[in-house]
Amino acid sequence: MTVWIMPVVAAIIFALLTAVSRYPHTFNYPVPITSENARRQYLLGRGLLVWLKAEICWLLAFVVRQQILVALGNAQRFSIELLLGLVFFDIWDG
C-alpha cells in the first residue's frame, strides 16, 4: 500500500504545477515586466515549470523504483550511484 504514496504525490505535484503554469503573469520575476519583455519572460517562467515538473517526476520515479528493488530483495539500500547521478543531472541542467 505504501508504494502508492510516491506516485500519488507525484501526480498531485504534476497537476498543481500544470495548473500554476497557466498563469505566468502571477510569477515572481527578477526583472520588471514590460510590454517588450513580457512574452519572453512568461515563456521562460513556463519553461522553468516544465523542467521542474520533469525533474520532480523523474526523481520520484527513481525513488519508487529503488523502493521496489529493496522490497523485492534485489537491493539492500538506496543506490549511491542513483543519488550521484541525480545530483550530476541537477548541476548539469541548472
PDB file of N, CA and C in Angstrom:
ATOM      1  N   MET A   1       0.814  -1.205   0.000  1.00  0.00           N
ATOM      2  CA  MET A   1       0.000   0.000   0.000  1.00  0.00           C
ATOM      3  C   MET A   1       0.856   1.267   0.000  1.00  0.00           C
ATOM      4  N   THR A   2       1.936   1.269   0.783  1.00  0.00           N
ATOM      5  CA  THR A   2       2.750   2.482   0.872  1.00  0.00           C
ATOM      6  C   THR A   2       3.534   2.763  -0.400  1.00  0.00           C
ATOM      7  N   VAL A   3       3.672   1.771  -1.273  1.00  0.00           N
ATOM      8  CA  VAL A   3       4.374   2.005  -2.524  1.00  0.00           C
ATOM      9  C   VAL A   3       3.589   2.980  -3.418  1.00  0.00           C
ATOM     10  N   TRP A   4       2.306   3.147  -3.177  1.00  0.00           N
ATOM     11  CA  TRP A   4       1.468   4.050  -3.971  1.00  0.00           C
ATOM     12  C   TRP A   4       1.522   5.492  -3.498  1.00  0.00           C
ATOM     13  N   ILE A   5       2.138   5.763  -2.362  1.00  0.00           N
ATOM     14  CA  ILE A   5       2.182   7.134  -1.853  1.00  0.00           C
ATOM     15  C   ILE A   5       2.979   8.046  -2.789  1.00  0.00           C
ATOM     16  N   MET A   6       4.162   7.622  -3.191  1.00  0.00           N
ATOM     17  CA  MET A   6       5.006   8.463  -4.048  1.00  0.00           C
ATOM     18  C   MET A   6       4.378   8.744  -5.413  1.00  0.00           C
ATOM     19  N   PRO A   7       3.812   7.753  -6.106  1.00  0.00           N
ATOM     20  CA  PRO A   7       3.153   8.076  -7.375  1.00  0.00           C
ATOM     21  C   PRO A   7       1.969   9.037  -7.203  1.00  0.00           C
ATOM     22  N   VAL A   8       1.239   8.901  -6.108  1.00  0.00           N
ATOM     23  CA  VAL A   8       0.125   9.821  -5.855  1.00  0.00           C
ATOM     24  C   VAL A   8       0.660  11.228  -5.609  1.00  0.00           C
ATOM     25  N   VAL A   9       1.723  11.333  -4.810  1.00  0.00           N
ATOM     26  CA  VAL A   9       2.343  12.640  -4.556  1.00  0.00           C
ATOM     27  C   VAL A   9       2.851  13.242  -5.866  1.00  0.00           C
ATOM     28  N   ALA A  10       3.478  12.433  -6.709  1.00  0.00           N
ATOM     29  CA  ALA A  10       3.969  12.913  -8.000  1.00  0.00           C
ATOM     30  C   ALA A  10       2.821  13.412  -8.875  1.00  0.00           C
ATOM     31  N   ALA A  11       1.722  12.696  -8.887  1.00  0.00           N
ATOM     32  CA  ALA A  11       0.567  13.117  -9.689  1.00  0.00           C
ATOM     33  C   ALA A  11      -0.020  14.426  -9.183  1.00  0.00           C
ATOM     34  N   ILE A  12      -0.080  14.574  -7.865  1.00  0.00           N
ATOM     35  CA  ILE A  12      -0.599  15.822  -7.285  1.00  0.00           C
ATOM     36  C   ILE A  12       0.318  16.990  -7.612  1.00  0.00           C
ATOM     37  N   ILE A  13       1.632  16.793  -7.442  1.00  0.00           N
ATOM     38  CA  ILE A  13       2.583  17.856  -7.757  1.00  0.00           C
ATOM     39  C   ILE A  13       2.513  18.212  -9.237  1.00  0.00           C
ATOM     40  N   PHE A  14       2.433  17.191 -10.093  1.00  0.00           N
ATOM     41  CA  PHE A  14       2.333  17.434 -11.529  1.00  0.00           C
ATOM     42  C   PHE A  14       1.085  18.252 -11.851  1.00  0.00           C
ATOM     43  N   ALA A  15      -0.041  17.886 -11.265  1.00  0.00           N
ATOM     44  CA  ALA A  15      -1.294  18.608 -11.529  1.00  0.00           C
ATOM     45  C   ALA A  15      -1.218  20.049 -11.023  1.00  0.00           C
ATOM     46  N   LEU A  16      -0.666  20.237  -9.837  1.00  0.00           N
ATOM     47  CA  LEU A  16      -0.552  21.595  -9.296  1.00  0.00           C
ATOM     48  C   LEU A  16       0.374  22.469 -10.138  1.00  0.00           C
ATOM     49  N   LEU A  17       1.526  21.938 -10.526  1.00  0.00           N
ATOM     50  CA  LEU A  17       2.444  22.729 -11.344  1.00  0.00           C
ATOM     51  C   LEU A  17       1.876  22.996 -12.730  1.00  0.00           C
ATOM     52  N   THR A  18       1.107  22.061 -13.251  1.00  0.00           N
ATOM     53  CA  THR A  18       0.446  22.296 -14.536  1.00  0.00           C
ATOM     54  C   THR A  18      -0.569  23.425 -14.412  1.00  0.00           C
ATOM     55  N   ALA A  19      -1.340  23.414 -13.333  1.00  0.00           N
ATOM     56  CA  ALA A  19      -2.325  24.483 -13.124  1.00  0.00           C
ATOM     57  C   ALA A  19      -1.647  25.829 -12.919  1.00  0.00           C
ATOM     58  N   VAL A  20      -0.582  25.853 -12.148  1.00  0.00           N
ATOM     59  CA  VAL A  20       0.123  27.108 -11.880  1.00  0.00           C
ATOM     60  C   VAL A  20       0.761  27.651 -13.150  1.00  0.00           C
ATOM     61  N   SER A  21       1.259  26.774 -14.021  1.00  0.00           N
ATOM     62  CA  SER A  21       1.945  27.235 -15.232  1.00  0.00           C
ATOM     63  C   SER A  21       1.006  27.946 -16.203  1.00  0.00           C
ATOM     64  N   ARG A  22      -0.279  27.817 -16.003  1.00  0.00           N
ATOM     65  CA  ARG A  22      -1.232  28.509 -16.878  1.00  0.00           C
ATOM     66  C   ARG A  22      -1.363  29.998 -16.564  1.00  0.00           C
ATOM     67  N   TYR A  23      -0.757  30.440 -15.464  1.00  0.00           N
ATOM     68  CA  TYR A  23      -0.854  31.838 -15.045  1.00  0.00           C
ATOM     69  C   TYR A  23       0.538  32.428 -14.855  1.00  0.00           C
ATOM     70  N   PRO A  24       1.325  32.551 -15.937  1.00  0.00           N
ATOM     71  CA  PRO A  24       2.701  33.043 -15.788  1.00  0.00           C
ATOM     72  C   PRO A  24       2.768  34.502 -15.337  1.00  0.00           C
ATOM     73  N   HIS A  25       1.717  35.259 -15.512  1.00  0.00           N
ATOM     74  CA  HIS A  25       1.719  36.656 -15.089  1.00  0.00           C
ATOM     75  C   HIS A  25       1.718  36.795 -13.566  1.00  0.00           C
ATOM     76  N   THR A  26       1.445  35.711 -12.849  1.00  0.00           N
ATOM     77  CA  THR A  26       1.439  35.773 -11.384  1.00  0.00           C
ATOM     78  C   THR A  26       2.776  35.365 -10.764  1.00  0.00           C
ATOM     79  N   PHE A  27       3.740  34.932 -11.597  1.00  0.00           N
ATOM     80  CA  PHE A  27       5.037  34.511 -11.074  1.00  0.00           C
ATOM     81  C   PHE A  27       5.826  35.716 -10.574  1.00  0.00           C
ATOM     82  N   ASN A  28       6.809  35.455  -9.739  1.00  0.00           N
ATOM     83  CA  ASN A  28       7.714  36.488  -9.255  1.00  0.00           C
ATOM     84  C   ASN A  28       8.952  36.482 -10.141  1.00  0.00           C
ATOM     85  N   TYR A  29       9.165  37.540 -10.919  1.00  0.00           N
ATOM     86  CA  TYR A  29      10.268  37.619 -11.871  1.00  0.00           C
ATOM     87  C   TYR A  29      11.377  38.508 -11.327  1.00  0.00           C
ATOM     88  N   PRO A  30      12.639  38.228 -11.703  1.00  0.00           N
ATOM     89  CA  PRO A  30      13.746  39.042 -11.199  1.00  0.00           C
ATOM     90  C   PRO A  30      13.900  40.378 -11.912  1.00  0.00           C
ATOM     91  N   VAL A  31      13.167  40.576 -12.998  1.00  0.00           N
ATOM     92  CA  VAL A  31      13.224  41.839 -13.735  1.00  0.00           C
ATOM     93  C   VAL A  31      11.816  42.403 -13.845  1.00  0.00           C
ATOM     94  N   PRO A  32      11.700  43.704 -13.978  1.00  0.00           N
ATOM     95  CA  PRO A  32      10.373  44.288 -14.192  1.00  0.00           C
ATOM     96  C   PRO A  32       9.789  43.812 -15.526  1.00  0.00           C
ATOM     97  N   ILE A  33       8.512  43.499 -15.533  1.00  0.00           N
ATOM     98  CA  ILE A  33       7.841  43.028 -16.746  1.00  0.00           C
ATOM     99  C   ILE A  33       7.301  44.246 -17.500  1.00  0.00           C
ATOM    100  N   THR A  34       7.750  44.367 -18.733  1.00  0.00           N
ATOM    101  CA  THR A  34       7.277  45.433 -19.607  1.00  0.00           C
ATOM    102  C   THR A  34       6.585  44.792 -20.812  1.00  0.00           C
ATOM    103  N   SER A  35       5.995  45.614 -21.640  1.00  0.00           N
ATOM    104  CA  SER A  35       5.327  45.062 -22.822  1.00  0.00           C
ATOM    105  C   SER A  35       6.336  44.459 -23.795  1.00  0.00           C
ATOM    106  N   GLU A  36       7.589  44.933 -23.763  1.00  0.00           N
ATOM    107  CA  GLU A  36       8.610  44.400 -24.663  1.00  0.00           C
ATOM    108  C   GLU A  36       9.124  43.029 -24.215  1.00  0.00           C
ATOM    109  N   ASN A  37       9.244  42.801 -22.912  1.00  0.00           N
ATOM    110  CA  ASN A  37       9.846  41.549 -22.450  1.00  0.00           C
ATOM    111  C   ASN A  37       8.831  40.579 -21.849  1.00  0.00           C
ATOM    112  N   ALA A  38       7.557  40.926 -21.830  1.00  0.00           N
ATOM    113  CA  ALA A  38       6.549  40.084 -21.172  1.00  0.00           C
ATOM    114  C   ALA A  38       6.472  38.699 -21.806  1.00  0.00           C
ATOM    115  N   ARG A  39       6.406  38.633 -23.122  1.00  0.00           N
ATOM    116  CA  ARG A  39       6.266  37.337 -23.779  1.00  0.00           C
ATOM    117  C   ARG A  39       7.451  36.430 -23.467  1.00  0.00           C
ATOM    118  N   ARG A  40       8.651  36.971 -23.567  1.00  0.00           N
ATOM    119  CA  ARG A  40       9.857  36.166 -23.309  1.00  0.00           C
ATOM    120  C   ARG A  40       9.914  35.718 -21.847  1.00  0.00           C
ATOM    121  N   GLN A  41       9.619  36.609 -20.927  1.00  0.00           N
ATOM    122  CA  GLN A  41       9.664  36.249 -19.508  1.00  0.00           C
ATOM    123  C   GLN A  41       8.614  35.201 -19.166  1.00  0.00           C
ATOM    124  N   TYR A  42       7.431  35.336 -19.740  1.00  0.00           N
ATOM    125  CA  TYR A  42       6.387  34.349 -19.478  1.00  0.00           C
ATOM    126  C   TYR A  42       6.766  32.980 -20.038  1.00  0.00           C
ATOM    127  N   LEU A  43       7.387  32.960 -21.227  1.00  0.00           N
ATOM    128  CA  LEU A  43       7.844  31.693 -21.802  1.00  0.00           C
ATOM    129  C   LEU A  43       8.952  31.072 -20.950  1.00  0.00           C
ATOM    130  N   LEU A  44       9.867  31.906 -20.457  1.00  0.00           N
ATOM    131  CA  LEU A  44      10.930  31.401 -19.589  1.00  0.00           C
ATOM    132  C   LEU A  44      10.354  30.848 -18.283  1.00  0.00           C
ATOM    133  N   GLY A  45       9.385  31.536 -17.724  1.00  0.00           N
ATOM    134  CA  GLY A  45       8.754  31.075 -16.485  1.00  0.00           C
ATOM    135  C   GLY A  45       8.034  29.755 -16.676  1.00  0.00           C
ATOM    136  N   ARG A  46       7.315  29.629 -17.772  1.00  0.00           N
ATOM    137  CA  ARG A  46       6.617  28.370 -18.037  1.00  0.00           C
ATOM    138  C   ARG A  46       7.605  27.250 -18.333  1.00  0.00           C
ATOM    139  N   GLY A  47       8.680  27.582 -19.043  1.00  0.00           N
ATOM    140  CA  GLY A  47       9.716  26.586 -19.313  1.00  0.00           C
ATOM    141  C   GLY A  47      10.366  26.081 -18.036  1.00  0.00           C
ATOM    142  N   LEU A  48      10.573  26.983 -17.092  1.00  0.00           N
ATOM    143  CA  LEU A  48      11.134  26.591 -15.799  1.00  0.00           C
ATOM    144  C   LEU A  48      10.220  25.588 -15.106  1.00  0.00           C
ATOM    145  N   LEU A  49       8.929  25.826 -15.139  1.00  0.00           N
ATOM    146  CA  LEU A  49       7.997  24.893 -14.507  1.00  0.00           C
ATOM    147  C   LEU A  49       7.943  23.550 -15.232  1.00  0.00           C
ATOM    148  N   VAL A  50       8.102  23.559 -16.546  1.00  0.00           N
ATOM    149  CA  VAL A  50       8.126  22.300 -17.293  1.00  0.00           C
ATOM    150  C   VAL A  50       9.316  21.465 -16.845  1.00  0.00           C
ATOM    151  N   TRP A  51      10.501  22.079 -16.735  1.00  0.00           N
ATOM    152  CA  TRP A  51      11.686  21.346 -16.277  1.00  0.00           C
ATOM    153  C   TRP A  51      11.536  20.903 -14.836  1.00  0.00           C
ATOM    154  N   LEU A  52      10.965  21.764 -14.015  1.00  0.00           N
ATOM    155  CA  LEU A  52      10.766  21.413 -12.613  1.00  0.00           C
ATOM    156  C   LEU A  52       9.845  20.202 -12.486  1.00  0.00           C
ATOM    157  N   LYS A  53       8.761  20.197 -13.248  1.00  0.00           N
ATOM    158  CA  LYS A  53       7.846  19.037 -13.244  1.00  0.00           C
ATOM    159  C   LYS A  53       8.571  17.780 -13.678  1.00  0.00           C
ATOM    160  N   ALA A  54       9.350  17.880 -14.731  1.00  0.00           N
ATOM    161  CA  ALA A  54      10.064  16.707 -15.240  1.00  0.00           C
ATOM    162  C   ALA A  54      11.054  16.174 -14.211  1.00  0.00           C
ATOM    163  N   GLU A  55      11.829  17.066 -13.606  1.00  0.00           N
ATOM    164  CA  GLU A  55      12.813  16.631 -12.618  1.00  0.00           C
ATOM    165  C   GLU A  55      12.159  16.006 -11.391  1.00  0.00           C
ATOM    166  N   ILE A  56      11.090  16.600 -10.918  1.00  0.00           N
ATOM    167  CA  ILE A  56      10.405  16.058  -9.743  1.00  0.00           C
ATOM    168  C   ILE A  56       9.809  14.691 -10.057  1.00  0.00           C
ATOM    169  N   CYS A  57       9.162  14.572 -11.195  1.00  0.00           N
ATOM    170  CA  CYS A  57       8.555  13.283 -11.550  1.00  0.00           C
ATOM    171  C   CYS A  57       9.608  12.202 -11.744  1.00  0.00           C
ATOM    172  N   TRP A  58      10.725  12.514 -12.396  1.00  0.00           N
ATOM    173  CA  TRP A  58      11.792  11.527 -12.562  1.00  0.00           C
ATOM    174  C   TRP A  58      12.405  11.154 -11.224  1.00  0.00           C
ATOM    175  N   LEU A  59      12.628  12.136 -10.372  1.00  0.00           N
ATOM    176  CA  LEU A  59      13.191  11.850  -9.052  1.00  0.00           C
ATOM    177  C   LEU A  59      12.280  10.911  -8.274  1.00  0.00           C
ATOM    178  N   LEU A  60      11.000  11.195  -8.250  1.00  0.00           N
ATOM    179  CA  LEU A  60      10.067  10.340  -7.523  1.00  0.00           C
ATOM    180  C   LEU A  60       9.941   8.965  -8.177  1.00  0.00           C
ATOM    181  N   ALA A  61      10.045   8.903  -9.501  1.00  0.00           N
ATOM    182  CA  ALA A  61      10.016   7.601 -10.181  1.00  0.00           C
ATOM    183  C   ALA A  61      11.237   6.766  -9.790  1.00  0.00           C
ATOM    184  N   PHE A  62      12.399   7.392  -9.716  1.00  0.00           N
ATOM    185  CA  PHE A  62      13.599   6.670  -9.302  1.00  0.00           C
ATOM    186  C   PHE A  62      13.501   6.193  -7.858  1.00  0.00           C
ATOM    187  N   VAL A  63      12.924   7.020  -7.003  1.00  0.00           N
ATOM    188  CA  VAL A  63      12.769   6.629  -5.602  1.00  0.00           C
ATOM    189  C   VAL A  63      11.816   5.435  -5.492  1.00  0.00           C
ATOM    190  N   VAL A  64      10.713   5.462  -6.220  1.00  0.00           N
ATOM    191  CA  VAL A  64       9.777   4.336  -6.208  1.00  0.00           C
ATOM    192  C   VAL A  64      10.453   3.080  -6.749  1.00  0.00           C
ATOM    193  N   ARG A  65      11.217   3.214  -7.807  1.00  0.00           N
ATOM    194  CA  ARG A  65      11.933   2.056  -8.355  1.00  0.00           C
ATOM    195  C   ARG A  65      12.866   1.466  -7.309  1.00  0.00           C
ATOM    196  N   GLN A  66      13.587   2.320  -6.607  1.00  0.00           N
ATOM    197  CA  GLN A  66      14.509   1.831  -5.586  1.00  0.00           C
ATOM    198  C   GLN A  66      13.744   1.172  -4.432  1.00  0.00           C
ATOM    199  N   GLN A  67      12.610   1.733  -4.052  1.00  0.00           N
ATOM    200  CA  GLN A  67      11.790   1.105  -3.011  1.00  0.00           C
ATOM    201  C   GLN A  67      11.352  -0.294  -3.422  1.00  0.00           C
ATOM    202  N   ILE A  68      10.961  -0.444  -4.675  1.00  0.00           N
ATOM    203  CA  ILE A  68      10.527  -1.750  -5.173  1.00  0.00           C
ATOM    204  C   ILE A  68      11.692  -2.731  -5.176  1.00  0.00           C
ATOM    205  N   LEU A  69      12.869  -2.282  -5.613  1.00  0.00           N
ATOM    206  CA  LEU A  69      14.035  -3.160  -5.621  1.00  0.00           C
ATOM    207  C   LEU A  69      14.397  -3.624  -4.218  1.00  0.00           C
ATOM    208  N   VAL A  70      14.337  -2.722  -3.250  1.00  0.00           N
ATOM    209  CA  VAL A  70      14.636  -3.095  -1.862  1.00  0.00           C
ATOM    210  C   VAL A  70      13.574  -4.069  -1.351  1.00  0.00           C
ATOM    211  N   ALA A  71      12.321  -3.810  -1.666  1.00  0.00           N
ATOM    212  CA  ALA A  71      11.238  -4.679  -1.194  1.00  0.00           C
ATOM    213  C   ALA A  71      11.348  -6.088  -1.781  1.00  0.00           C
ATOM    214  N   LEU A  72      11.817  -6.188  -3.004  1.00  0.00           N
ATOM    215  CA  LEU A  72      11.967  -7.496  -3.639  1.00  0.00           C
ATOM    216  C   LEU A  72      13.259  -8.203  -3.227  1.00  0.00           C
ATOM    217  N   GLY A  73      14.107  -7.510  -2.508  1.00  0.00           N
ATOM    218  CA  GLY A  73      15.370  -8.096  -2.073  1.00  0.00           C
ATOM    219  C   GLY A  73      16.480  -7.991  -3.094  1.00  0.00           C
ATOM    220  N   ASN A  74      16.284  -7.216  -4.149  1.00  0.00           N
ATOM    221  CA  ASN A  74      17.305  -7.035  -5.184  1.00  0.00           C
ATOM    222  C   ASN A  74      18.298  -5.935  -4.843  1.00  0.00           C
ATOM    223  N   ALA A  75      18.032  -5.189  -3.803  1.00  0.00           N
ATOM    224  CA  ALA A  75      18.940  -4.127  -3.352  1.00  0.00           C
ATOM    225  C   ALA A  75      18.859  -4.069  -1.830  1.00  0.00           C
ATOM    226  N   GLN A  76      19.945  -3.652  -1.215  1.00  0.00           N
ATOM    227  CA  GLN A  76      19.998  -3.585   0.237  1.00  0.00           C
ATOM    228  C   GLN A  76      19.768  -2.177   0.780  1.00  0.00           C
ATOM    229  N   ARG A  77      20.044  -1.170  -0.052  1.00  0.00           N
ATOM    230  CA  ARG A  77      19.955   0.213   0.406  1.00  0.00           C
ATOM    231  C   ARG A  77      19.650   1.106  -0.792  1.00  0.00           C
ATOM    232  N   PHE A  78      19.488   2.376  -0.494  1.00  0.00           N
ATOM    233  CA  PHE A  78      19.291   3.357  -1.553  1.00  0.00           C
ATOM    234  C   PHE A  78      20.580   3.471  -2.348  1.00  0.00           C
ATOM    235  N   SER A  79      20.505   3.426  -3.635  1.00  0.00           N
ATOM    236  CA  SER A  79      21.679   3.409  -4.501  1.00  0.00           C
ATOM    237  C   SER A  79      22.416   4.743  -4.466  1.00  0.00           C
ATOM    238  N   ILE A  80      23.683   4.721  -4.049  1.00  0.00           N
ATOM    239  CA  ILE A  80      24.501   5.930  -4.047  1.00  0.00           C
ATOM    240  C   ILE A  80      24.783   6.385  -5.475  1.00  0.00           C
ATOM    241  N   GLU A  81      24.855   5.439  -6.412  1.00  0.00           N
ATOM    242  CA  GLU A  81      25.051   5.794  -7.812  1.00  0.00           C
ATOM    243  C   GLU A  81      23.871   6.605  -8.332  1.00  0.00           C
ATOM    244  N   LEU A  82      22.690   6.205  -7.926  1.00  0.00           N
ATOM    245  CA  LEU A  82      21.495   6.941  -8.317  1.00  0.00           C
ATOM    246  C   LEU A  82      21.524   8.351  -7.748  1.00  0.00           C
ATOM    247  N   LEU A  83      21.875   8.473  -6.491  1.00  0.00           N
ATOM    248  CA  LEU A  83      21.953   9.787  -5.857  1.00  0.00           C
ATOM    249  C   LEU A  83      22.971  10.672  -6.558  1.00  0.00           C
ATOM    250  N   LEU A  84      24.152  10.136  -6.856  1.00  0.00           N
ATOM    251  CA  LEU A  84      25.176  10.914  -7.560  1.00  0.00           C
ATOM    252  C   LEU A  84      24.716  11.292  -8.957  1.00  0.00           C
ATOM    253  N   GLY A  85      24.033  10.381  -9.624  1.00  0.00           N
ATOM    254  CA  GLY A  85      23.506  10.684 -10.951  1.00  0.00           C
ATOM    255  C   GLY A  85      22.485  11.804 -10.925  1.00  0.00           C
ATOM    256  N   LEU A  86      21.624  11.792  -9.923  1.00  0.00           N
ATOM    257  CA  LEU A  86      20.625  12.854  -9.809  1.00  0.00           C
ATOM    258  C   LEU A  86      21.270  14.197  -9.501  1.00  0.00           C
ATOM    259  N   VAL A  87      22.275  14.196  -8.637  1.00  0.00           N
ATOM    260  CA  VAL A  87      22.981  15.439  -8.317  1.00  0.00           C
ATOM    261  C   VAL A  87      23.698  15.960  -9.557  1.00  0.00           C
ATOM    262  N   PHE A  88      24.368  15.071 -10.291  1.00  0.00           N
ATOM    263  CA  PHE A  88      25.045  15.477 -11.518  1.00  0.00           C
ATOM    264  C   PHE A  88      24.059  16.051 -12.523  1.00  0.00           C
ATOM    265  N   PHE A  89      22.917  15.393 -12.688  1.00  0.00           N
ATOM    266  CA  PHE A  89      21.907  15.873 -13.621  1.00  0.00           C
ATOM    267  C   PHE A  89      21.407  17.253 -13.225  1.00  0.00           C
ATOM    268  N   ASP A  90      21.186  17.463 -11.945  1.00  0.00           N
ATOM    269  CA  ASP A  90      20.711  18.753 -11.451  1.00  0.00           C
ATOM    270  C   ASP A  90      21.743  19.850 -11.687  1.00  0.00           C
ATOM    271  N   ILE A  91      23.007  19.546 -11.437  1.00  0.00           N
ATOM    272  CA  ILE A  91      24.057  20.540 -11.653  1.00  0.00           C
ATOM    273  C   ILE A  91      24.217  20.824 -13.142  1.00  0.00           C
ATOM    274  N   TRP A  92      24.202  19.766 -13.952  1.00  0.00           N
ATOM    275  CA  TRP A  92      24.368  19.916 -15.397  1.00  0.00           C
ATOM    276  C   TRP A  92      23.195  20.689 -15.993  1.00  0.00           C
ATOM    277  N   ASP A  93      21.996  20.446 -15.475  1.00  0.00           N
ATOM    278  CA  ASP A  93      20.790  21.067 -16.003  1.00  0.00           C
ATOM    279  C   ASP A  93      20.682  22.538 -15.598  1.00  0.00           C
ATOM    280  N   GLY A  94      21.104  22.851 -14.408  1.00  0.00           N
ATOM    281  CA  GLY A  94      20.852  24.179 -13.882  1.00  0.00           C
ATOM    282  C   GLY A  94      22.009  25.072 -13.918  1.00  0.00           C
TER     283      GLY A  94
END
